Amino acid sequence: MGEIDVEARLSDASDDLDFWTKDMEITIRLTPRGDGRYKSIDRREEERFYAALQYGIVNDVPMSELASRCCLSLSTFKRRFKQWVGGSPREWIVAKRMEVASEVLSKADITISSLAKMCCYNNTSHFIEIFKRHYGTTPHTFRQQMASQKMVLQRSSYDAVQKL
């Protein structure tokens, strides 16, 4: 696959990251409090929060740095994240990195070690372990499954056109 194709597909993955960030904005804005009313979130705090999380997806930084980017203590950052998004920030970031990895695997011919680095994993074995925990299969097998699904879809489309 050409370098341009890989770059275009990685750009698509970046667009997906923007979509996830917007999805998170909606989730946070629509998260009800325990009494059924909606939380009031300071817009600047919200913007810092999104920027920090997006930064955390593409950079391997400690949670304390993300909290600092939000002008919050680590404990307050974790507590607010749990209130607004649910779960822990680390789990959310890992999940988003795995979504990016699966998207790239389905669209680009990139080595697993390069993908691991792109997803902030210096140890490819650890990346494979986390990916397998998330998707129940290794990145290599996942890529093969995606390729075979595309071939089946292409054959089905070809057969449908031939019947016309």
N, C-alpha and C. Protein backbone atom coordinates (compact mmCIF):
# COMPACT_ATOMS: atom_id res chain seq x y z
N MET A 1 0.85 -1.17 0.00
CA MET A 1 0.00 0.00 0.00
C MET A 1 0.89 1.22 0.00
N GLY A 2 0.52 2.22 -0.76
CA GLY A 2 1.32 3.42 -0.88
C GLY A 2 1.31 4.26 0.38
N GLU A 3 2.34 5.09 0.50
CA GLU A 3 2.46 5.95 1.68
C GLU A 3 1.29 6.93 1.76
N ILE A 4 0.81 7.40 0.62
CA ILE A 4 -0.31 8.35 0.61
C ILE A 4 -1.57 7.68 1.15
N ASP A 5 -1.80 6.42 0.75
CA ASP A 5 -2.98 5.70 1.24
C ASP A 5 -2.94 5.56 2.75
N VAL A 6 -1.78 5.18 3.29
CA VAL A 6 -1.65 5.02 4.74
C VAL A 6 -1.90 6.35 5.43
N GLU A 7 -1.32 7.44 4.91
CA GLU A 7 -1.53 8.75 5.52
C GLU A 7 -3.00 9.16 5.46
N ALA A 8 -3.66 8.88 4.35
CA ALA A 8 -5.08 9.23 4.23
C ALA A 8 -5.90 8.43 5.23
N ARG A 9 -5.56 7.17 5.39
CA ARG A 9 -6.32 6.34 6.32
C ARG A 9 -6.03 6.71 7.77
N LEU A 10 -4.80 7.10 8.06
CA LEU A 10 -4.50 7.58 9.40
C LEU A 10 -5.23 8.88 9.66
N SER A 11 -5.40 9.70 8.63
CA SER A 11 -6.17 10.93 8.75
C SER A 11 -7.62 10.61 9.08
N ASP A 12 -8.17 9.55 8.46
CA ASP A 12 -9.53 9.11 8.79
C ASP A 12 -9.63 8.74 10.26
N ALA A 13 -8.61 8.05 10.78
CA ALA A 13 -8.61 7.68 12.19
C ALA A 13 -8.59 8.93 13.06
N SER A 14 -7.86 9.95 12.63
CA SER A 14 -7.84 11.22 13.36
C SER A 14 -9.22 11.87 13.35
N ASP A 15 -9.91 11.79 12.20
CA ASP A 15 -11.28 12.31 12.13
C ASP A 15 -12.19 11.57 13.10
N ASP A 16 -11.98 10.25 13.23
CA ASP A 16 -12.76 9.46 14.18
C ASP A 16 -12.51 9.94 15.60
N LEU A 17 -11.26 10.30 15.90
CA LEU A 17 -10.92 10.82 17.22
C LEU A 17 -11.69 12.10 17.49
N ASP A 18 -11.80 12.97 16.49
CA ASP A 18 -12.59 14.19 16.65
C ASP A 18 -14.05 13.84 16.92
N PHE A 19 -14.58 12.82 16.23
CA PHE A 19 -15.95 12.40 16.45
C PHE A 19 -16.13 11.91 17.88
N TRP A 20 -15.18 11.10 18.38
CA TRP A 20 -15.29 10.58 19.74
C TRP A 20 -15.25 11.72 20.76
N THR A 21 -14.45 12.73 20.48
CA THR A 21 -14.38 13.86 21.40
C THR A 21 -15.73 14.58 21.42
N LYS A 22 -16.33 14.78 20.26
CA LYS A 22 -17.65 15.43 20.20
C LYS A 22 -18.69 14.55 20.89
N ASP A 23 -18.60 13.24 20.70
CA ASP A 23 -19.50 12.30 21.36
C ASP A 23 -19.36 12.42 22.87
N MET A 24 -18.13 12.57 23.35
CA MET A 24 -17.89 12.73 24.77
C MET A 24 -18.50 14.04 25.26
N GLU A 25 -18.41 15.11 24.46
CA GLU A 25 -19.02 16.39 24.83
C GLU A 25 -20.50 16.21 25.07
N ILE A 26 -21.16 15.52 24.16
CA ILE A 26 -22.60 15.29 24.29
C ILE A 26 -22.89 14.46 25.53
N THR A 27 -22.09 13.42 25.76
CA THR A 27 -22.28 12.57 26.93
C THR A 27 -22.18 13.38 28.21
N ILE A 28 -21.15 14.23 28.29
CA ILE A 28 -20.96 15.03 29.50
C ILE A 28 -22.10 16.01 29.68
N ARG A 29 -22.50 16.67 28.62
CA ARG A 29 -23.58 17.66 28.74
C ARG A 29 -24.90 17.02 29.12
N LEU A 30 -25.12 15.79 28.73
CA LEU A 30 -26.41 15.14 28.98
C LEU A 30 -26.39 14.19 30.16
N THR A 31 -25.32 14.22 30.94
CA THR A 31 -25.24 13.33 32.09
C THR A 31 -26.06 13.91 33.24
N PRO A 32 -27.12 13.20 33.65
CA PRO A 32 -27.94 13.73 34.73
C PRO A 32 -27.28 13.53 36.09
N ARG A 33 -27.62 14.39 37.01
CA ARG A 33 -27.18 14.21 38.39
C ARG A 33 -28.06 13.15 39.01
N GLY A 34 -27.76 12.77 40.22
CA GLY A 34 -28.53 11.75 40.90
C GLY A 34 -30.00 12.10 41.07
N ASP A 35 -30.33 13.39 41.18
CA ASP A 35 -31.71 13.80 41.39
C ASP A 35 -32.47 14.00 40.08
N GLY A 36 -31.86 13.64 38.93
CA GLY A 36 -32.56 13.74 37.66
C GLY A 36 -32.33 15.06 36.94
N ARG A 37 -31.80 16.07 37.64
CA ARG A 37 -31.49 17.33 36.96
C ARG A 37 -30.12 17.20 36.31
N TYR A 38 -29.84 18.10 35.39
CA TYR A 38 -28.56 18.03 34.69
C TYR A 38 -27.53 18.90 35.36
N LYS A 39 -26.28 18.45 35.29
CA LYS A 39 -25.17 19.20 35.89
C LYS A 39 -24.92 20.47 35.10
N SER A 40 -24.46 21.47 35.79
CA SER A 40 -24.02 22.70 35.13
C SER A 40 -22.50 22.64 35.07
N ILE A 41 -21.95 22.70 33.87
CA ILE A 41 -20.51 22.60 33.70
C ILE A 41 -19.98 23.91 33.14
N ASP A 42 -18.98 24.45 33.80
CA ASP A 42 -18.33 25.66 33.32
C ASP A 42 -17.70 25.37 31.96
N ARG A 43 -17.99 26.21 30.98
CA ARG A 43 -17.54 25.99 29.60
C ARG A 43 -16.02 25.91 29.49
N ARG A 44 -15.31 26.78 30.19
CA ARG A 44 -13.84 26.74 30.13
C ARG A 44 -13.31 25.44 30.72
N GLU A 45 -13.91 25.02 31.83
CA GLU A 45 -13.50 23.76 32.45
C GLU A 45 -13.76 22.60 31.49
N GLU A 46 -14.90 22.65 30.83
CA GLU A 46 -15.27 21.62 29.87
C GLU A 46 -14.25 21.57 28.72
N GLU A 47 -13.88 22.72 28.18
CA GLU A 47 -12.92 22.78 27.08
C GLU A 47 -11.55 22.25 27.50
N ARG A 48 -11.11 22.61 28.71
CA ARG A 48 -9.83 22.09 29.21
C ARG A 48 -9.89 20.58 29.37
N PHE A 49 -11.03 20.11 29.85
CA PHE A 49 -11.23 18.68 30.06
C PHE A 49 -11.11 17.91 28.74
N TYR A 50 -11.83 18.36 27.70
CA TYR A 50 -11.77 17.70 26.39
C TYR A 50 -10.36 17.73 25.82
N ALA A 51 -9.73 18.90 25.90
CA ALA A 51 -8.38 19.05 25.35
C ALA A 51 -7.40 18.11 26.07
N ALA A 52 -7.53 18.01 27.38
CA ALA A 52 -6.63 17.13 28.14
C ALA A 52 -6.85 15.67 27.75
N LEU A 53 -8.10 15.26 27.61
CA LEU A 53 -8.36 13.87 27.25
C LEU A 53 -7.88 13.55 25.85
N GLN A 54 -8.10 14.47 24.94
CA GLN A 54 -7.62 14.25 23.57
C GLN A 54 -6.09 14.16 23.57
N TYR A 55 -5.45 15.01 24.35
CA TYR A 55 -4.00 14.97 24.48
C TYR A 55 -3.57 13.63 25.06
N GLY A 56 -4.32 13.14 26.03
CA GLY A 56 -3.99 11.87 26.68
C GLY A 56 -4.12 10.67 25.75
N ILE A 57 -5.00 10.76 24.76
CA ILE A 57 -5.16 9.66 23.82
C ILE A 57 -3.92 9.53 22.93
N VAL A 58 -3.38 10.64 22.49
CA VAL A 58 -2.28 10.61 21.53
C VAL A 58 -0.90 10.78 22.15
N ASN A 59 -0.83 10.98 23.46
CA ASN A 59 0.45 11.12 24.16
C ASN A 59 0.44 10.26 25.41
N ASP A 60 1.56 9.60 25.65
CA ASP A 60 1.67 8.76 26.84
C ASP A 60 2.13 9.63 28.00
N VAL A 61 1.17 10.14 28.75
CA VAL A 61 1.47 11.03 29.86
C VAL A 61 0.77 10.53 31.12
N PRO A 62 1.31 10.86 32.28
CA PRO A 62 0.64 10.45 33.52
C PRO A 62 -0.69 11.19 33.71
N MET A 63 -1.59 10.57 34.42
CA MET A 63 -2.89 11.19 34.71
C MET A 63 -2.71 12.52 35.42
N SER A 64 -1.67 12.62 36.24
CA SER A 64 -1.44 13.89 36.95
C SER A 64 -1.21 15.04 35.98
N GLU A 65 -0.58 14.76 34.82
CA GLU A 65 -0.38 15.81 33.82
C GLU A 65 -1.71 16.22 33.19
N LEU A 66 -2.58 15.24 32.94
CA LEU A 66 -3.90 15.57 32.38
C LEU A 66 -4.70 16.40 33.38
N ALA A 67 -4.63 16.01 34.65
CA ALA A 67 -5.32 16.77 35.69
C ALA A 67 -4.78 18.20 35.74
N SER A 68 -3.47 18.33 35.66
CA SER A 68 -2.85 19.65 35.68
C SER A 68 -3.30 20.49 34.49
N ARG A 69 -3.44 19.88 33.33
CA ARG A 69 -3.91 20.61 32.14
C ARG A 69 -5.34 21.12 32.34
N CYS A 70 -6.08 20.46 33.22
CA CYS A 70 -7.45 20.89 33.52
C CYS A 70 -7.49 21.83 34.71
N CYS A 71 -6.32 22.14 35.26
CA CYS A 71 -6.23 22.98 36.46
C CYS A 71 -6.97 22.34 37.63
N LEU A 72 -6.84 21.02 37.74
CA LEU A 72 -7.49 20.27 38.80
C LEU A 72 -6.47 19.38 39.49
N SER A 73 -6.74 19.05 40.75
CA SER A 73 -5.92 18.05 41.41
C SER A 73 -6.24 16.70 40.77
N LEU A 74 -5.36 15.73 40.95
CA LEU A 74 -5.58 14.41 40.36
C LEU A 74 -6.86 13.78 40.88
N SER A 75 -7.10 13.88 42.18
CA SER A 75 -8.31 13.27 42.74
C SER A 75 -9.58 13.94 42.22
N THR A 76 -9.56 15.27 42.09
CA THR A 76 -10.73 15.99 41.56
C THR A 76 -10.94 15.64 40.09
N PHE A 77 -9.86 15.55 39.33
CA PHE A 77 -9.94 15.17 37.91
C PHE A 77 -10.60 13.80 37.77
N LYS A 78 -10.14 12.84 38.54
CA LYS A 78 -10.70 11.48 38.46
C LYS A 78 -12.17 11.46 38.89
N ARG A 79 -12.48 12.20 39.95
CA ARG A 79 -13.86 12.24 40.44
C ARG A 79 -14.79 12.88 39.40
N ARG A 80 -14.36 14.00 38.82
CA ARG A 80 -15.20 14.66 37.80
C ARG A 80 -15.34 13.79 36.56
N PHE A 81 -14.26 13.14 36.18
CA PHE A 81 -14.35 12.25 35.02
C PHE A 81 -15.39 11.17 35.28
N LYS A 82 -15.34 10.58 36.45
CA LYS A 82 -16.30 9.52 36.78
C LYS A 82 -17.73 10.07 36.77
N GLN A 83 -17.93 11.28 37.28
CA GLN A 83 -19.25 11.89 37.28
C GLN A 83 -19.74 12.19 35.87
N TRP A 84 -18.86 12.74 35.05
CA TRP A 84 -19.26 13.23 33.73
C TRP A 84 -19.30 12.14 32.67
N VAL A 85 -18.32 11.23 32.70
CA VAL A 85 -18.18 10.25 31.63
C VAL A 85 -18.47 8.84 32.14
N GLY A 86 -18.13 8.56 33.38
CA GLY A 86 -18.27 7.22 33.93
C GLY A 86 -16.95 6.49 33.81
N GLY A 87 -16.64 5.66 34.78
CA GLY A 87 -15.38 4.92 34.74
C GLY A 87 -14.18 5.79 35.05
N SER A 88 -13.02 5.23 34.79
CA SER A 88 -11.79 5.98 35.07
C SER A 88 -11.23 6.59 33.79
N PRO A 89 -10.50 7.68 33.92
CA PRO A 89 -9.91 8.29 32.73
C PRO A 89 -8.95 7.34 32.02
N ARG A 90 -8.17 6.58 32.77
CA ARG A 90 -7.21 5.65 32.16
C ARG A 90 -7.94 4.61 31.31
N GLU A 91 -9.01 4.03 31.86
CA GLU A 91 -9.78 3.02 31.11
C GLU A 91 -10.36 3.63 29.83
N TRP A 92 -10.86 4.86 29.94
CA TRP A 92 -11.45 5.53 28.77
C TRP A 92 -10.39 5.77 27.70
N ILE A 93 -9.22 6.25 28.12
CA ILE A 93 -8.14 6.52 27.17
C ILE A 93 -7.68 5.23 26.49
N VAL A 94 -7.53 4.16 27.25
CA VAL A 94 -7.14 2.88 26.66
C VAL A 94 -8.20 2.42 25.67
N ALA A 95 -9.47 2.55 26.02
CA ALA A 95 -10.55 2.15 25.11
C ALA A 95 -10.50 2.95 23.82
N LYS A 96 -10.27 4.25 23.91
CA LYS A 96 -10.19 5.09 22.71
C LYS A 96 -8.98 4.73 21.87
N ARG A 97 -7.85 4.44 22.53
CA ARG A 97 -6.67 4.01 21.78
C ARG A 97 -6.94 2.70 21.05
N MET A 98 -7.66 1.80 21.68
CA MET A 98 -7.98 0.53 21.03
C MET A 98 -8.93 0.74 19.86
N GLU A 99 -9.85 1.69 19.99
CA GLU A 99 -10.75 2.00 18.87
C GLU A 99 -9.95 2.56 17.69
N VAL A 100 -8.99 3.44 17.99
CA VAL A 100 -8.13 3.97 16.94
C VAL A 100 -7.35 2.83 16.29
N ALA A 101 -6.81 1.94 17.11
CA ALA A 101 -6.03 0.81 16.59
C ALA A 101 -6.88 -0.06 15.68
N SER A 102 -8.10 -0.37 16.10
CA SER A 102 -8.95 -1.23 15.27
C SER A 102 -9.31 -0.54 13.96
N GLU A 103 -9.53 0.76 14.02
CA GLU A 103 -9.84 1.52 12.81
C GLU A 103 -8.66 1.52 11.84
N VAL A 104 -7.47 1.75 12.37
CA VAL A 104 -6.28 1.76 11.53
C VAL A 104 -6.03 0.37 10.94
N LEU A 105 -6.20 -0.67 11.76
CA LEU A 105 -6.00 -2.04 11.27
C LEU A 105 -6.95 -2.38 10.13
N SER A 106 -8.15 -1.84 10.18
CA SER A 106 -9.12 -2.17 9.14
C SER A 106 -8.92 -1.34 7.87
N LYS A 107 -8.13 -0.26 7.96
CA LYS A 107 -7.99 0.63 6.81
C LYS A 107 -6.57 0.74 6.26
N ALA A 108 -5.55 0.50 7.07
CA ALA A 108 -4.18 0.77 6.64
C ALA A 108 -3.29 -0.45 6.82
N ASP A 109 -2.31 -0.56 5.95
CA ASP A 109 -1.34 -1.64 6.02
C ASP A 109 -0.13 -1.12 6.79
N ILE A 110 -0.21 -1.16 8.09
CA ILE A 110 0.83 -0.64 8.97
C ILE A 110 1.29 -1.80 9.85
N THR A 111 2.56 -1.82 10.19
CA THR A 111 3.05 -2.90 11.04
C THR A 111 2.43 -2.78 12.43
N ILE A 112 2.34 -3.91 13.10
CA ILE A 112 1.77 -3.92 14.45
C ILE A 112 2.65 -3.11 15.39
N SER A 113 3.96 -3.20 15.23
CA SER A 113 4.85 -2.42 16.11
C SER A 113 4.69 -0.91 15.87
N SER A 114 4.50 -0.50 14.62
CA SER A 114 4.26 0.92 14.33
C SER A 114 2.92 1.37 14.91
N LEU A 115 1.93 0.50 14.78
CA LEU A 115 0.61 0.81 15.34
C LEU A 115 0.69 0.93 16.86
N ALA A 116 1.44 0.02 17.48
CA ALA A 116 1.61 0.08 18.94
C ALA A 116 2.21 1.42 19.35
N LYS A 117 3.24 1.85 18.65
CA LYS A 117 3.87 3.15 18.96
C LYS A 117 2.89 4.29 18.73
N MET A 118 2.13 4.20 17.64
CA MET A 118 1.15 5.24 17.33
C MET A 118 0.11 5.36 18.45
N CYS A 119 -0.19 4.23 19.09
CA CYS A 119 -1.18 4.20 20.18
C CYS A 119 -0.53 4.36 21.55
N CYS A 120 0.72 4.84 21.57
CA CYS A 120 1.44 5.16 22.82
C CYS A 120 1.87 3.93 23.61
N TYR A 121 2.14 2.83 22.92
CA TYR A 121 2.67 1.63 23.57
C TYR A 121 4.07 1.40 23.05
N ASN A 122 5.06 1.52 23.91
CA ASN A 122 6.45 1.27 23.52
C ASN A 122 6.74 -0.23 23.43
N ASN A 123 5.96 -1.02 24.13
CA ASN A 123 6.14 -2.47 24.14
C ASN A 123 5.04 -3.10 23.29
N THR A 124 5.43 -3.65 22.14
CA THR A 124 4.45 -4.22 21.21
C THR A 124 3.70 -5.38 21.85
N SER A 125 4.38 -6.20 22.64
CA SER A 125 3.72 -7.33 23.29
C SER A 125 2.62 -6.86 24.23
N HIS A 126 2.90 -5.79 24.95
CA HIS A 126 1.88 -5.23 25.86
C HIS A 126 0.69 -4.70 25.07
N PHE A 127 0.97 -4.02 23.96
CA PHE A 127 -0.10 -3.54 23.09
C PHE A 127 -0.97 -4.70 22.61
N ILE A 128 -0.33 -5.77 22.14
CA ILE A 128 -1.08 -6.94 21.66
C ILE A 128 -1.93 -7.52 22.77
N GLU A 129 -1.38 -7.59 23.97
CA GLU A 129 -2.12 -8.12 25.13
C GLU A 129 -3.36 -7.26 25.43
N ILE A 130 -3.20 -5.95 25.43
CA ILE A 130 -4.32 -5.04 25.69
C ILE A 130 -5.35 -5.14 24.57
N PHE A 131 -4.89 -5.18 23.33
CA PHE A 131 -5.80 -5.30 22.19
C PHE A 131 -6.60 -6.59 22.29
N LYS A 132 -5.92 -7.68 22.62
CA LYS A 132 -6.59 -8.98 22.73
C LYS A 132 -7.62 -8.96 23.87
N ARG A 133 -7.28 -8.31 24.95
CA ARG A 133 -8.22 -8.19 26.07
C ARG A 133 -9.47 -7.42 25.63
N HIS A 134 -9.26 -6.42 24.78
CA HIS A 134 -10.38 -5.58 24.32
C HIS A 134 -11.24 -6.25 23.26
N TYR A 135 -10.61 -6.92 22.29
CA TYR A 135 -11.33 -7.46 21.14
C TYR A 135 -11.38 -8.98 21.08
N GLY A 136 -10.70 -9.65 22.02
CA GLY A 136 -10.74 -11.11 22.04
C GLY A 136 -9.88 -11.77 20.98
N THR A 137 -9.05 -11.01 20.30
CA THR A 137 -8.17 -11.54 19.27
C THR A 137 -6.96 -10.63 19.13
N THR A 138 -5.93 -11.15 18.51
CA THR A 138 -4.72 -10.34 18.31
C THR A 138 -4.94 -9.33 17.19
N PRO A 139 -4.14 -8.27 17.14
CA PRO A 139 -4.27 -7.31 16.04
C PRO A 139 -4.09 -7.97 14.67
N HIS A 140 -3.16 -8.91 14.56
CA HIS A 140 -2.92 -9.60 13.28
C HIS A 140 -4.17 -10.36 12.83
N THR A 141 -4.75 -11.13 13.74
CA THR A 141 -5.97 -11.89 13.41
C THR A 141 -7.13 -10.94 13.12
N PHE A 142 -7.23 -9.87 13.87
CA PHE A 142 -8.27 -8.87 13.65
C PHE A 142 -8.17 -8.32 12.23
N ARG A 143 -6.95 -7.98 11.81
CA ARG A 143 -6.74 -7.45 10.46
C ARG A 143 -7.17 -8.48 9.41
N GLN A 144 -6.81 -9.74 9.62
CA GLN A 144 -7.19 -10.79 8.67
C GLN A 144 -8.71 -10.93 8.60
N GLN A 145 -9.36 -10.87 9.75
CA GLN A 145 -10.83 -10.98 9.78
C GLN A 145 -11.47 -9.81 9.04
N MET A 146 -10.94 -8.62 9.25
CA MET A 146 -11.49 -7.45 8.56
C MET A 146 -11.29 -7.57 7.05
N ALA A 147 -10.13 -8.05 6.63
CA ALA A 147 -9.86 -8.22 5.20
C ALA A 147 -10.79 -9.25 4.59
N SER A 148 -11.04 -10.35 5.30
CA SER A 148 -11.94 -11.37 4.74
C SER A 148 -13.38 -10.87 4.70
N GLN A 149 -13.79 -10.07 5.67
CA GLN A 149 -15.14 -9.48 5.64
C GLN A 149 -15.28 -8.55 4.44
N LYS A 150 -14.23 -7.76 4.15
CA LYS A 150 -14.28 -6.87 3.00
C LYS A 150 -14.40 -7.67 1.71
N MET A 151 -13.67 -8.78 1.63
CA MET A 151 -13.74 -9.61 0.42
C MET A 151 -15.13 -10.19 0.23
N VAL A 152 -15.74 -10.65 1.31
CA VAL A 152 -17.10 -11.20 1.24
C VAL A 152 -18.07 -10.13 0.77
N LEU A 153 -17.94 -8.92 1.31
CA LEU A 153 -18.82 -7.82 0.90
C LEU A 153 -18.60 -7.46 -0.56
N GLN A 154 -17.35 -7.45 -0.99
CA GLN A 154 -17.07 -7.13 -2.39
C GLN A 154 -17.66 -8.20 -3.32
N ARG A 155 -17.51 -9.47 -2.93
CA ARG A 155 -18.08 -10.55 -3.74
C ARG A 155 -19.59 -10.44 -3.80
N SER A 156 -20.21 -10.14 -2.67
CA SER A 156 -21.67 -10.00 -2.63
C SER A 156 -22.12 -8.87 -3.54
N SER A 157 -21.41 -7.75 -3.49
CA SER A 157 -21.75 -6.62 -4.35
C SER A 157 -21.57 -6.99 -5.82
N TYR A 158 -20.49 -7.70 -6.13
CA TYR A 158 -20.23 -8.11 -7.50
C TYR A 158 -21.33 -9.06 -7.97
N ASP A 159 -21.70 -10.03 -7.13
CA ASP A 159 -22.76 -10.98 -7.49
C ASP A 159 -24.09 -10.27 -7.71
N ALA A 160 -24.38 -9.29 -6.87
CA ALA A 160 -25.64 -8.55 -7.01
C ALA A 160 -25.67 -7.78 -8.32
N VAL A 161 -24.56 -7.19 -8.71
CA VAL A 161 -24.48 -6.45 -9.97
C VAL A 161 -24.62 -7.40 -11.15
N GLN A 162 -24.02 -8.57 -11.06
CA GLN A 162 -24.08 -9.55 -12.14
C GLN A 162 -25.51 -10.04 -12.38
N LYS A 163 -26.31 -10.08 -11.32
CA LYS A 163 -27.70 -10.55 -11.44
C LYS A 163 -28.58 -9.52 -12.14
N LEU A 164 -28.15 -8.27 -12.17
CA LEU A 164 -28.94 -7.22 -12.82
C LEU A 164 -28.86 -7.40 -14.27
